[in-house]
Amino acid sequence: MSAHGRGRPQQGKAADGTRGAGSGFGLPAATALVVGSIIGTGVFALPSALAPYGPIALVAFVLVTIGALALAMVFGRLSQRVPGSGGPYVYAREAFGEFAGFLTAWSYWITAWAGNAAIAVAWVGYVEVFVNKGHHTWGSIGIALAGLWLPAIVNLTGVRNIGAFQVVTTVLKFLPLAFMATAGLLFVKAGSFGAFNASGGSALGAVSAAGAIALFSYIGLETASVAAGRVREPKRNVPRATVYGTLACAAIYLLGTLAVFGTVPHAQLGSSTAPFTDAMNNIAGGHWAGNLVAAAAIISGLGALNGWTLICAEMPLAAARDGLFPAAFTGTRGRSEVPAFGIVSATVLASVLTVVSYTRFTKVFTEIVLLSVLTAVIPYLVSAAAQLYWLVVRGRQELERRRFARYVIVALLALVFSYWSIQGSGYQTVYYGLFTILLGIPVYIWLKRPNVAARTAATTGPAEVEPAVPTAAHLPKAARTAHPVGLPTILLRALTARHQH
């Protein structure tokens, strides 16, 4: 354990640092955690967000999938090197120090609540299959706020069957996606795709822009590493769960999006608020099938919001216990120690972002997605850099040549992919996202300032502390007997000396 981790209790672990055989997640549960975190309601709205670029967006999806798999492999390797919960925050802190750890935690925290806003907006589209069919703005806002606060209330109550609820919602969200990824391909029509590059710009620009949106579908691939301390045999199960979960989602995403593109005409898809519902209606020739998809998407959204609302509070809770987040985030309530302040504050911020987006942005889902993707890519980039840093420093001594080369290539691919995702987010998103991330610097200064004196005294001891200002005992005899000299006298002497030359 590094110096940063000394003195922190390792909760739930035995003396050897592992959990009991009967506690924690096994490989299936850890994989389900990854899949359940990756697949939210956002994927149900993703085809509409990608439609303005045309089928070239599928090329971007393939590239994003390769990059996501590289990131999954990086997180798997990092979880073996730095065991315990925390994910990107822990890797950044251990590799680059407390400030990097703080910025990573800050950025990831923004991703969590901004991502909740995006999930809520996508969720509204499927709720409005049944109510507010005219998509009136304030009606949509009311539905979105209900979607944000209902899971928050569930989290605050600390309901014990939350795990069972998550399993049910994960199964229900998979059914319509799996159908579209398999049987839906049989109903694809070439005429529905439209122009290959419908953006009107260059192919490279279209791929980059579509890729930044598509990356939102894979946010959550790191959740097994974030909860590594709760996984049995984490050095073996976390890497596998991360890669297996990402692969499963990739197959569903790529084939399902292809089926939606091929069953919903391009002109209709761009304005659709529930593209999977429209696809199912076109396939079945009615509304009953689409309504089933909408119902499944609604349940899926609630499940995703339920899990991510807790993550919104867990990451700052871990950082706050290390003194790298405001102490208010350590506040818990009840026997289950529910992080109430983190849950409420994140839900309030997500609510504000949702209201602002509906009243200010023309493309609500896309704008929020790009912001949350940007703030997610920063922790991804830092994690890939941490892996590369450790490989450069100690890789040659610890690994054989082939494994070393393979790990370096994967880390570089993840790093390049992260930079590419930032570039594809667009100037406005990078501006707002960077500004939001840099707002954390004053918070960090505020957090660290009161502890400087205490850390110095604890490190050096009272006998070793040197006075900040030299006393008379430390000065030469001439200095001790001299009279104080003011600033006017100093300036006069300097001018006189200059004129004498």
Protein backbone atom coordinates (compact mmCIF):
# COMPACT_ATOMS: atom_id res chain seq x y z
CA MET A 1 0.00 0.00 0.00
CA SER A 2 1.26 3.43 -0.87
CA ALA A 3 1.68 6.30 1.50
CA HIS A 4 -1.62 7.70 0.34
CA GLY A 5 -3.47 4.66 1.58
CA ARG A 6 -1.89 4.26 5.01
CA GLY A 7 -4.20 4.36 7.92
CA ARG A 8 -7.40 3.81 5.97
CA PRO A 9 -9.47 0.84 7.07
CA GLN A 10 -9.90 -1.92 4.54
CA GLN A 11 -13.57 -2.57 5.07
CA GLY A 12 -14.90 -6.05 4.59
CA LYS A 13 -11.49 -7.61 4.09
CA ALA A 14 -9.63 -10.26 5.98
CA ALA A 15 -6.15 -9.82 7.32
CA ASP A 16 -4.65 -10.89 4.03
CA GLY A 17 -6.60 -8.27 2.14
CA THR A 18 -9.12 -10.63 0.57
CA ARG A 19 -12.78 -11.11 1.29
CA GLY A 20 -14.37 -14.16 2.75
CA ALA A 21 -15.25 -16.96 0.40
CA GLY A 22 -18.97 -16.49 0.94
CA SER A 23 -19.10 -12.71 0.49
CA GLY A 24 -18.85 -10.35 -2.47
CA PHE A 25 -19.53 -10.83 -6.18
CA GLY A 26 -18.44 -13.84 -8.16
CA LEU A 27 -17.62 -13.66 -11.88
CA PRO A 28 -21.27 -13.82 -13.09
CA ALA A 29 -22.40 -11.12 -10.66
CA ALA A 30 -19.41 -8.91 -11.47
CA THR A 31 -20.10 -9.30 -15.19
CA ALA A 32 -23.77 -8.45 -14.59
CA LEU A 33 -22.63 -5.35 -12.71
CA VAL A 34 -20.68 -4.21 -15.77
CA VAL A 35 -23.51 -5.00 -18.19
CA GLY A 36 -26.13 -3.41 -15.96
CA SER A 37 -24.05 -0.24 -15.62
CA ILE A 38 -23.25 0.06 -19.32
CA ILE A 39 -26.78 -0.54 -20.58
CA GLY A 40 -29.09 2.21 -19.40
CA THR A 41 -31.84 4.06 -21.22
CA GLY A 42 -29.33 6.03 -23.27
CA VAL A 43 -28.79 3.18 -25.71
CA PHE A 44 -32.52 3.21 -26.48
CA ALA A 45 -32.18 6.81 -27.70
CA LEU A 46 -28.75 6.42 -29.29
CA PRO A 47 -29.87 5.58 -32.88
CA SER A 48 -31.72 8.92 -33.08
CA ALA A 49 -28.65 10.80 -31.84
CA LEU A 50 -26.50 9.07 -34.47
CA ALA A 51 -29.03 9.41 -37.30
CA PRO A 52 -27.83 12.88 -38.49
CA TYR A 53 -24.52 11.29 -39.51
CA GLY A 54 -26.05 8.39 -41.43
CA PRO A 55 -24.75 4.80 -41.57
CA ILE A 56 -21.18 6.09 -41.29
CA ALA A 57 -22.01 6.30 -37.59
CA LEU A 58 -21.81 2.49 -37.53
CA VAL A 59 -18.15 2.78 -38.56
CA ALA A 60 -17.66 5.12 -35.63
CA PHE A 61 -19.41 2.59 -33.40
CA VAL A 62 -16.97 -0.11 -34.46
CA LEU A 63 -13.98 2.14 -33.71
CA VAL A 64 -15.47 3.11 -30.36
CA THR A 65 -15.98 -0.56 -29.55
CA ILE A 66 -12.29 -1.27 -30.23
CA GLY A 67 -11.30 1.64 -28.03
CA ALA A 68 -13.72 0.53 -25.30
CA LEU A 69 -12.23 -2.97 -25.33
CA ALA A 70 -8.75 -1.45 -25.00
CA LEU A 71 -9.96 0.55 -22.01
CA ALA A 72 -11.56 -2.59 -20.55
CA MET A 73 -8.22 -4.41 -20.79
CA VAL A 74 -6.43 -1.44 -19.21
CA PHE A 75 -8.85 -1.36 -16.29
CA GLY A 76 -8.49 -5.11 -15.87
CA ARG A 77 -4.71 -4.82 -15.67
CA LEU A 78 -4.87 -1.83 -13.33
CA SER A 79 -7.21 -3.69 -10.98
CA GLN A 80 -4.54 -6.39 -10.67
CA ARG A 81 -1.82 -3.86 -9.96
CA VAL A 82 -3.80 -1.72 -7.50
CA PRO A 83 -6.33 -3.91 -5.65
CA GLY A 84 -9.33 -2.53 -3.82
CA SER A 85 -12.28 -0.29 -4.66
CA GLY A 86 -12.00 3.11 -6.27
CA GLY A 87 -11.26 2.47 -9.93
CA PRO A 88 -9.93 5.48 -11.89
CA TYR A 89 -9.67 7.62 -8.74
CA VAL A 90 -7.35 5.14 -7.00
CA TYR A 91 -5.21 4.55 -10.11
CA ALA A 92 -4.69 8.27 -10.65
CA ARG A 93 -3.86 8.89 -6.99
CA GLU A 94 -1.39 6.02 -6.76
CA ALA A 95 0.39 6.87 -10.03
CA PHE A 96 0.40 10.66 -10.07
CA GLY A 97 -0.42 11.82 -6.54
CA GLU A 98 -3.31 13.36 -4.67
CA PHE A 99 -4.04 16.23 -7.06
CA ALA A 100 -4.44 13.88 -10.04
CA GLY A 101 -6.62 11.66 -7.86
CA PHE A 102 -8.80 14.60 -6.88
CA LEU A 103 -9.30 15.85 -10.46
CA THR A 104 -10.13 12.31 -11.58
CA ALA A 105 -12.68 11.87 -8.79
CA TRP A 106 -14.11 15.32 -9.50
CA SER A 107 -14.44 14.61 -13.22
CA TYR A 108 -15.95 11.17 -12.62
CA TRP A 109 -18.43 12.65 -10.17
CA ILE A 110 -19.55 15.14 -12.85
CA THR A 111 -19.90 12.26 -15.30
CA ALA A 112 -22.13 10.38 -12.89
CA TRP A 113 -24.72 13.09 -12.26
CA ALA A 114 -24.54 14.54 -15.79
CA GLY A 115 -24.97 11.01 -17.14
CA ASN A 116 -28.03 10.62 -14.93
CA ALA A 117 -29.51 13.68 -16.60
CA ALA A 118 -28.88 12.10 -20.01
CA ILE A 119 -30.47 8.83 -18.90
CA ALA A 120 -33.49 10.73 -17.59
CA VAL A 121 -33.91 12.64 -20.88
CA ALA A 122 -33.79 9.40 -22.87
CA TRP A 123 -36.19 7.81 -20.36
CA VAL A 124 -38.69 10.63 -20.97
CA GLY A 125 -38.89 9.70 -24.66
CA TYR A 126 -40.20 6.25 -23.79
CA VAL A 127 -42.54 7.44 -21.02
CA GLU A 128 -44.06 9.80 -23.57
CA VAL A 129 -45.09 6.83 -25.66
CA PHE A 130 -47.92 6.61 -23.12
CA VAL A 131 -48.29 10.16 -21.68
CA ASN A 132 -47.50 13.71 -22.87
CA LYS A 133 -47.54 12.47 -26.43
CA GLY A 134 -47.34 16.07 -27.66
CA HIS A 135 -43.88 16.39 -26.01
CA HIS A 136 -44.76 19.66 -24.24
CA THR A 137 -41.55 21.03 -22.73
CA TRP A 138 -42.64 21.48 -19.12
CA GLY A 139 -44.44 18.15 -19.17
CA SER A 140 -41.21 16.51 -20.33
CA ILE A 141 -39.29 18.32 -17.58
CA GLY A 142 -41.75 17.07 -14.96
CA ILE A 143 -41.39 13.48 -16.16
CA ALA A 144 -37.61 13.76 -16.19
CA LEU A 145 -37.51 15.12 -12.64
CA ALA A 146 -39.76 12.29 -11.47
CA GLY A 147 -37.37 9.84 -13.09
CA LEU A 148 -34.42 11.39 -11.25
CA TRP A 149 -35.97 11.67 -7.80
CA LEU A 150 -37.77 8.32 -7.61
CA PRO A 151 -34.47 6.34 -7.66
CA ALA A 152 -32.96 8.88 -5.28
CA ILE A 153 -35.76 8.23 -2.79
CA VAL A 154 -35.22 4.47 -3.16
CA ASN A 155 -31.51 4.94 -2.48
CA LEU A 156 -32.22 7.07 0.58
CA THR A 157 -34.50 4.43 2.08
CA GLY A 158 -31.79 1.79 1.78
CA VAL A 159 -34.13 -0.91 0.50
CA ARG A 160 -32.57 -4.34 0.96
CA ASN A 161 -34.06 -5.88 -2.18
CA ILE A 162 -32.36 -3.28 -4.41
CA GLY A 163 -30.08 -6.02 -5.75
CA ALA A 164 -33.00 -8.17 -6.88
CA PHE A 165 -34.58 -5.12 -8.50
CA GLN A 166 -31.36 -4.48 -10.42
CA VAL A 167 -31.27 -8.07 -11.70
CA VAL A 168 -34.87 -7.86 -12.93
CA THR A 169 -34.32 -4.55 -14.70
CA THR A 170 -31.13 -5.85 -16.32
CA VAL A 171 -32.98 -8.83 -17.76
CA LEU A 172 -35.86 -6.68 -18.99
CA LYS A 173 -33.57 -4.16 -20.64
CA PHE A 174 -31.72 -6.93 -22.46
CA LEU A 175 -34.82 -8.51 -24.05
CA PRO A 176 -35.74 -5.82 -26.63
CA LEU A 177 -32.09 -5.15 -27.42
CA ALA A 178 -31.37 -8.85 -27.93
CA PHE A 179 -34.43 -9.19 -30.16
CA MET A 180 -33.36 -6.28 -32.35
CA ALA A 181 -29.79 -7.64 -32.51
CA THR A 182 -31.02 -11.02 -33.77
CA ALA A 183 -34.53 -11.27 -35.24
CA GLY A 184 -34.61 -7.57 -36.09
CA LEU A 185 -31.83 -8.06 -38.66
CA LEU A 186 -34.22 -10.15 -40.76
CA PHE A 187 -36.39 -7.08 -41.42
CA VAL A 188 -33.63 -4.69 -42.50
CA LYS A 189 -34.30 -2.77 -45.72
CA ALA A 190 -31.49 -1.11 -47.67
CA GLY A 191 -33.67 1.88 -48.53
CA SER A 192 -34.05 2.83 -44.86
CA PHE A 193 -30.38 3.68 -44.35
CA GLY A 194 -30.25 6.85 -46.44
CA ALA A 195 -26.98 8.50 -47.49
CA PHE A 196 -23.88 6.84 -46.06
CA ASN A 197 -22.54 10.18 -44.77
CA ALA A 198 -25.54 12.37 -44.11
CA SER A 199 -23.65 14.97 -42.08
CA GLY A 200 -22.68 17.08 -45.09
CA GLY A 201 -19.09 17.30 -43.82
CA SER A 202 -15.99 15.20 -44.18
CA ALA A 203 -16.04 11.49 -43.41
CA LEU A 204 -13.37 11.89 -40.72
CA GLY A 205 -15.33 14.67 -39.04
CA ALA A 206 -18.53 12.63 -39.12
CA VAL A 207 -16.80 9.58 -37.63
CA SER A 208 -15.21 11.65 -34.86
CA ALA A 209 -18.46 13.41 -33.95
CA ALA A 210 -20.52 10.21 -34.04
CA GLY A 211 -17.83 8.39 -32.07
CA ALA A 212 -18.01 10.90 -29.23
CA ILE A 213 -21.75 10.25 -28.94
CA ALA A 214 -21.38 6.47 -29.28
CA LEU A 215 -18.86 6.38 -26.42
CA PHE A 216 -21.69 7.26 -24.04
CA SER A 217 -23.00 3.73 -24.58
CA TYR A 218 -19.89 2.25 -22.97
CA ILE A 219 -19.64 4.51 -19.92
CA GLY A 220 -19.78 2.12 -16.98
CA LEU A 221 -17.28 -0.44 -18.28
CA GLU A 222 -15.06 0.49 -15.33
CA THR A 223 -17.63 -0.30 -12.63
CA ALA A 224 -16.16 -3.71 -11.78
CA SER A 225 -12.84 -2.03 -11.02
CA VAL A 226 -14.62 0.68 -9.01
CA ALA A 227 -16.19 -2.05 -6.87
CA ALA A 228 -13.14 -4.36 -6.95
CA GLY A 229 -13.04 -4.51 -3.15
CA ARG A 230 -16.44 -6.26 -3.22
CA VAL A 231 -15.47 -8.89 -5.84
CA ARG A 232 -14.22 -12.32 -4.86
CA GLU A 233 -10.75 -13.08 -6.24
CA PRO A 234 -10.57 -9.59 -7.82
CA LYS A 235 -7.25 -10.14 -9.57
CA ARG A 236 -8.86 -12.88 -11.62
CA ASN A 237 -12.53 -11.90 -11.78
CA VAL A 238 -12.39 -8.12 -12.29
CA PRO A 239 -10.40 -8.25 -15.57
CA ARG A 240 -12.63 -11.03 -16.93
CA ALA A 241 -15.87 -9.37 -15.88
CA THR A 242 -14.77 -6.06 -17.43
CA VAL A 243 -13.86 -7.60 -20.79
CA TYR A 244 -16.75 -10.10 -20.93
CA GLY A 245 -19.31 -7.46 -20.00
CA THR A 246 -17.96 -5.01 -22.58
CA LEU A 247 -17.95 -7.68 -25.30
CA ALA A 248 -21.56 -8.68 -24.55
CA CYS A 249 -22.72 -5.07 -24.70
CA ALA A 250 -20.71 -4.44 -27.88
CA ALA A 251 -22.44 -7.27 -29.73
CA ILE A 252 -25.90 -6.10 -28.64
CA TYR A 253 -25.14 -2.46 -29.41
CA LEU A 254 -23.68 -2.90 -32.86
CA LEU A 255 -26.25 -5.35 -34.18
CA GLY A 256 -29.19 -3.62 -32.48
CA THR A 257 -28.24 -0.19 -33.84
CA LEU A 258 -27.75 -1.69 -37.31
CA ALA A 259 -31.25 -3.20 -37.14
CA VAL A 260 -32.83 0.13 -36.08
CA PHE A 261 -31.04 1.97 -38.89
CA GLY A 262 -32.36 -0.61 -41.35
CA THR A 263 -35.98 -0.76 -40.15
CA VAL A 264 -36.73 2.92 -39.44
CA PRO A 265 -36.45 5.28 -42.46
CA HIS A 266 -33.64 7.79 -42.04
CA ALA A 267 -35.95 10.80 -42.27
CA GLN A 268 -38.10 9.42 -39.45
CA LEU A 269 -35.22 8.21 -37.28
CA GLY A 270 -33.64 11.64 -36.83
CA SER A 271 -36.76 13.05 -35.16
CA SER A 272 -37.72 9.94 -33.21
CA THR A 273 -37.73 10.13 -29.40
CA ALA A 274 -38.12 6.33 -29.06
CA PRO A 275 -36.29 4.71 -31.99
CA PHE A 276 -36.46 1.11 -30.72
CA THR A 277 -40.21 1.48 -30.26
CA ASP A 278 -40.56 2.77 -33.84
CA ALA A 279 -38.43 -0.11 -35.11
CA MET A 280 -40.55 -2.71 -33.32
CA ASN A 281 -43.76 -1.09 -34.59
CA ASN A 282 -42.44 -1.20 -38.17
CA ILE A 283 -41.48 -4.86 -37.76
CA ALA A 284 -44.71 -6.03 -36.07
CA GLY A 285 -47.07 -3.74 -37.98
CA GLY A 286 -48.81 -2.21 -34.99
CA HIS A 287 -48.27 -0.47 -31.68
CA TRP A 288 -48.37 -3.35 -29.17
CA ALA A 289 -44.78 -4.46 -29.82
CA GLY A 290 -43.46 -0.93 -29.59
CA ASN A 291 -45.35 -0.41 -26.35
CA LEU A 292 -43.67 -3.48 -24.88
CA VAL A 293 -40.26 -2.07 -25.83
CA ALA A 294 -41.19 1.28 -24.32
CA ALA A 295 -42.24 -0.39 -21.08
CA ALA A 296 -38.99 -2.36 -20.96
CA ALA A 297 -37.02 0.84 -21.63
CA ILE A 298 -38.83 2.63 -18.80
CA ILE A 299 -37.97 -0.14 -16.35
CA SER A 300 -34.42 -0.23 -17.67
CA GLY A 301 -34.05 3.49 -17.15
CA LEU A 302 -35.23 3.30 -13.56
CA GLY A 303 -32.79 0.48 -12.89
CA ALA A 304 -29.89 2.37 -14.44
CA LEU A 305 -30.75 5.55 -12.56
CA ASN A 306 -31.05 3.55 -9.36
CA GLY A 307 -27.51 2.18 -9.72
CA TRP A 308 -25.86 5.34 -11.00
CA THR A 309 -27.47 7.45 -8.27
CA LEU A 310 -25.57 5.36 -5.75
CA ILE A 311 -22.35 5.66 -7.78
CA CYS A 312 -22.84 9.44 -7.75
CA ALA A 313 -22.45 9.25 -3.98
CA GLU A 314 -19.94 6.39 -3.61
CA MET A 315 -17.08 7.97 -5.56
CA PRO A 316 -17.06 11.27 -3.62
CA LEU A 317 -17.57 9.29 -0.41
CA ALA A 318 -14.33 7.37 -1.03
CA ALA A 319 -12.47 10.56 -1.96
CA ALA A 320 -13.88 12.45 1.03
CA ARG A 321 -12.64 9.75 3.40
CA ASP A 322 -9.17 10.35 1.94
CA GLY A 323 -9.55 14.10 2.53
CA LEU A 324 -9.82 14.78 -1.21
CA PHE A 325 -13.49 15.78 -1.33
CA PRO A 326 -15.59 18.02 0.95
CA ALA A 327 -16.24 16.35 4.30
CA ALA A 328 -20.01 16.72 3.82
CA PHE A 329 -19.87 13.77 1.41
CA THR A 330 -18.88 11.45 4.26
CA GLY A 331 -22.28 12.02 5.89
CA THR A 332 -24.33 8.81 6.03
CA ARG A 333 -27.62 7.82 7.59
CA GLY A 334 -29.18 4.61 8.86
CA ARG A 335 -27.67 1.25 9.68
CA SER A 336 -26.70 0.70 6.05
CA GLU A 337 -24.80 4.01 6.07
CA VAL A 338 -26.58 5.51 3.07
CA PRO A 339 -24.50 8.45 1.69
CA ALA A 340 -27.45 10.81 1.88
CA PHE A 341 -25.65 14.07 1.11
CA GLY A 342 -24.01 12.63 -2.01
CA ILE A 343 -27.30 11.23 -3.29
CA VAL A 344 -29.29 14.41 -2.75
CA SER A 345 -26.61 16.80 -4.06
CA ALA A 346 -26.04 14.76 -7.23
CA THR A 347 -29.76 14.51 -7.90
CA VAL A 348 -30.19 18.25 -7.42
CA LEU A 349 -27.37 18.95 -9.90
CA ALA A 350 -28.79 16.47 -12.42
CA SER A 351 -32.20 18.13 -12.05
CA VAL A 352 -30.75 21.60 -12.71
CA LEU A 353 -28.86 20.33 -15.77
CA THR A 354 -32.03 18.69 -17.10
CA VAL A 355 -34.12 21.85 -16.72
CA VAL A 356 -31.41 24.02 -18.30
CA SER A 357 -31.00 21.58 -21.17
CA TYR A 358 -34.71 21.47 -21.98
CA THR A 359 -34.98 25.27 -21.93
CA ARG A 360 -31.64 26.18 -23.56
CA PHE A 361 -30.47 23.30 -25.80
CA THR A 362 -32.07 22.34 -29.08
CA LYS A 363 -30.74 18.76 -28.97
CA VAL A 364 -31.20 17.93 -25.31
CA PHE A 365 -29.98 14.32 -25.20
CA THR A 366 -27.00 14.92 -27.48
CA GLU A 367 -25.79 17.98 -25.59
CA ILE A 368 -25.88 16.25 -22.20
CA VAL A 369 -24.32 13.09 -23.61
CA LEU A 370 -21.35 15.01 -24.99
CA LEU A 371 -20.77 16.75 -21.64
CA SER A 372 -20.89 13.49 -19.68
CA VAL A 373 -18.68 11.74 -22.24
CA LEU A 374 -16.03 14.46 -21.98
CA THR A 375 -15.93 14.30 -18.19
CA ALA A 376 -15.79 10.48 -18.38
CA VAL A 377 -12.95 10.45 -20.89
CA ILE A 378 -10.69 12.42 -18.52
CA PRO A 379 -10.63 9.59 -15.92
CA TYR A 380 -10.23 7.09 -18.77
CA LEU A 381 -7.31 9.03 -20.19
CA VAL A 382 -5.62 9.35 -16.78
CA SER A 383 -6.11 5.63 -16.13
CA ALA A 384 -4.54 4.73 -19.48
CA ALA A 385 -1.68 7.12 -18.68
CA ALA A 386 -1.24 5.47 -15.27
CA GLN A 387 -0.95 2.07 -16.90
CA LEU A 388 1.57 3.41 -19.42
CA TYR A 389 3.51 5.11 -16.60
CA TRP A 390 3.84 1.89 -14.65
CA LEU A 391 4.87 -0.01 -17.78
CA VAL A 392 7.62 2.52 -18.53
CA VAL A 393 8.88 2.60 -14.95
CA ARG A 394 8.66 -1.06 -13.99
CA GLY A 395 7.29 -2.99 -16.94
CA ARG A 396 10.60 -4.27 -18.32
CA GLN A 397 11.61 -5.64 -14.95
CA GLU A 398 8.25 -7.33 -14.22
CA LEU A 399 7.14 -8.61 -17.64
CA GLU A 400 8.56 -10.68 -20.43
CA ARG A 401 9.16 -8.86 -23.70
CA ARG A 402 6.01 -10.02 -25.53
CA ARG A 403 3.62 -9.27 -22.68
CA PHE A 404 5.32 -5.92 -22.14
CA ALA A 405 4.89 -5.00 -25.82
CA ARG A 406 1.25 -6.14 -25.81
CA TYR A 407 0.39 -4.13 -22.70
CA VAL A 408 2.13 -1.02 -24.10
CA ILE A 409 0.19 -1.27 -27.38
CA VAL A 410 -3.14 -1.66 -25.56
CA ALA A 411 -2.37 1.27 -23.22
CA LEU A 412 -1.34 3.48 -26.14
CA LEU A 413 -4.50 2.52 -28.03
CA ALA A 414 -6.64 3.42 -25.00
CA LEU A 415 -4.76 6.71 -24.60
CA VAL A 416 -5.14 7.67 -28.28
CA PHE A 417 -8.79 6.65 -28.20
CA SER A 418 -9.38 8.93 -25.21
CA TYR A 419 -7.78 11.89 -26.99
CA TRP A 420 -9.82 11.15 -30.10
CA SER A 421 -13.03 11.11 -28.05
CA ILE A 422 -12.21 14.51 -26.58
CA GLN A 423 -11.52 15.91 -30.05
CA GLY A 424 -14.83 14.59 -31.34
CA SER A 425 -16.86 16.21 -28.56
CA GLY A 426 -16.74 19.60 -30.28
CA TYR A 427 -15.40 22.98 -29.24
CA GLN A 428 -18.44 24.05 -27.22
CA THR A 429 -18.56 20.82 -25.21
CA VAL A 430 -14.82 20.91 -24.53
CA TYR A 431 -15.17 24.52 -23.38
CA TYR A 432 -18.02 23.83 -20.96
CA GLY A 433 -16.54 20.51 -19.83
CA LEU A 434 -13.04 21.85 -19.22
CA PHE A 435 -14.45 24.85 -17.39
CA THR A 436 -16.51 22.55 -15.17
CA ILE A 437 -13.54 20.31 -14.41
CA LEU A 438 -11.23 23.24 -13.62
CA LEU A 439 -13.79 24.54 -11.14
CA GLY A 440 -12.49 21.75 -8.96
CA ILE A 441 -9.10 23.45 -8.47
CA PRO A 442 -10.37 26.06 -5.95
CA VAL A 443 -12.16 23.23 -4.16
CA TYR A 444 -8.90 21.29 -3.92
CA ILE A 445 -7.05 24.34 -2.56
CA TRP A 446 -9.79 24.89 -0.01
CA LEU A 447 -9.61 21.24 1.06
CA LYS A 448 -5.82 21.08 1.41
CA ARG A 449 -5.04 24.46 3.02
CA PRO A 450 -6.18 23.67 6.61
CA ASN A 451 -4.17 20.46 6.63
CA VAL A 452 -0.76 21.85 5.60
CA ALA A 453 0.38 22.78 9.09
CA ALA A 454 -0.88 19.52 10.58
CA ARG A 455 0.87 17.41 7.93
CA THR A 456 4.13 19.33 8.35
CA ALA A 457 4.12 18.89 12.12
CA ALA A 458 3.27 15.20 11.82
CA THR A 459 6.02 14.61 9.26
CA THR A 460 8.93 16.60 10.69
CA GLY A 461 8.08 16.69 14.41
CA PRO A 462 8.28 19.75 16.67
CA ALA A 463 12.07 19.56 17.11
CA GLU A 464 12.75 19.65 13.35
CA VAL A 465 10.51 22.53 12.37
CA GLU A 466 12.52 25.55 11.25
CA PRO A 467 11.13 29.02 11.94
CA ALA A 468 9.50 30.60 8.90
CA VAL A 469 11.25 33.93 9.64
CA PRO A 470 14.86 34.02 10.97
CA THR A 471 15.06 35.14 14.61
CA ALA A 472 17.80 37.32 16.12
CA ALA A 473 19.71 34.22 17.27
CA HIS A 474 20.08 33.08 13.64
CA LEU A 475 21.38 36.43 12.31
CA PRO A 476 25.00 37.66 12.12
CA LYS A 477 26.17 40.14 14.79
CA ALA A 478 26.10 43.06 12.33
CA ALA A 479 22.54 42.27 11.39
CA ARG A 480 21.47 42.00 15.05
CA THR A 481 22.87 45.45 15.93
CA ALA A 482 21.74 47.28 12.77
CA HIS A 483 18.74 49.60 12.79
CA PRO A 484 15.71 48.70 10.60
CA VAL A 485 15.83 50.18 7.11
CA GLY A 486 12.63 51.28 5.38
CA LEU A 487 11.70 51.01 1.69
CA PRO A 488 12.37 54.74 0.91
CA THR A 489 15.91 54.42 2.28
CA ILE A 490 16.56 51.31 0.17
CA LEU A 491 15.37 53.07 -3.01
CA LEU A 492 17.45 56.17 -2.23
CA ARG A 493 20.60 54.11 -1.75
CA ALA A 494 19.98 52.24 -5.01
CA LEU A 495 19.57 55.49 -6.99
CA THR A 496 22.63 57.09 -5.36
CA ALA A 497 24.78 54.08 -6.19
CA ARG A 498 23.63 54.17 -9.82
CA HIS A 499 24.54 57.88 -10.20
CA GLN A 500 28.02 57.39 -8.77
CA HIS A 501 29.13 55.21 -11.70
